[in-house]
Amino acid sequence: MRMTSLSLLTLATLLSGCGDDDEAIVNEPGSIAETAQATPSLSTLASAVQFASDNDDLVSLLASPGTLTVFAPTDAAFDALAVELTGTPGATGADLLTAAGKPLLRSVLQYHVLTSTVNAAGIPFGKPITSAEGSVFKIDTGSPPTITDGRNRLSKITTTDIETSNGVVHLIDKVLLPADKNIVQTAQALAAGSPGEFRILVEAIVAADLATTLSGPGPFTVFAPTDAAFAALLTELNVTKAALLADKPLLTKVLTYHVVSGRMFKVEVPVGARIRTVQTGTFSINTALDITDARSRTSKIVGTDTLTSNGVIHVIDKVLLPAP
């Protein structure tokens, strides 16, 4: 990753005459708020912080002494967000500064802030990162590194380690948005997509009366079988979909076997260990991301780390079955 400094606000050493000796005068970097104000490509961010503040709280947060990390979207990133949210070609970041949009803007800005200083070398790649807003995102390695936000949108870190008096700033090319859907809502959105996926899973969750539980605060980790996985299960059990959905005790037992308490991203999977589910049964996952269930059947994790407001979803290609 490229290490960059801002000439106006980073350490500069100036020489001036002082008697017979030359004395080094060091200009300390300014705060994160001052850095944004002094950087042309961060003018929208500076304006947004000022606009969204209540009694200058956000300005004070970024201006006061502390140990912060800010993932700072550029003006172009804010312009792109304005088009995305308004649907209006040519919209700019300034169009986001409205009274109606202020609550969302406040949460979005806080979502870009960490309350500890995390330099590029200290980024916990692949793990959930909790923002000052309270929601999580993750960063994956790459050139450049990529952030996945709560809505599973991707943003690239374009510049790292801009030092300030109260933390560090990393520039990003897309504004991050916190999650707005829980596990059930995320599955429903994917089921309604084109092509749709998890349609049978959504039907099964409703039939088992688990929608309320999986919409709760959690967090949960859900290993979500695809529609093809459920179709294969129907053949394996020699039952119809209607019969499976009508057997609530079996359906509940099977579905809860796919849920683990807590948020477990791919890099946090305890490879080789027995993983206990909320159904109380266990399964194991190997280094190839193959799951062995209680009946020694094997399912592969084919998609990982779909973020939701109350946990994370991993996609699997075979329905897991608990012990009989």
Foldseek 3Di string as FASTA:
>chain_A
DDADEDPVFPWDWDWDDDPPDTDTDTHHGAWQLVVLVPDVFNVLVNVLLVLLDDVSPSVCVRHPAAAKEFAGETQQQLQVVQCVVVVDPPRGNVVCSDPVNSVQSVLLRQQRMARHAAFPVRFPAQDWDATSSGATWHWHVDVFIWIQAQQRDIKTFDYTFHDHRRHGYTYIHHRHGHFPFFPLRVLVVQQPDVVRWCPLVNLLCVLLVNPVVRRDQFQKEFAGEIPQQVVVVCVVVVHDSVVLSNPNVQSVLQRQQRMATDAAFPVRFPAPDWGATPSRFTWHAHPQQWIQEQVRDIKHFPATFNHHNRYGYTYIHHRHHHDD
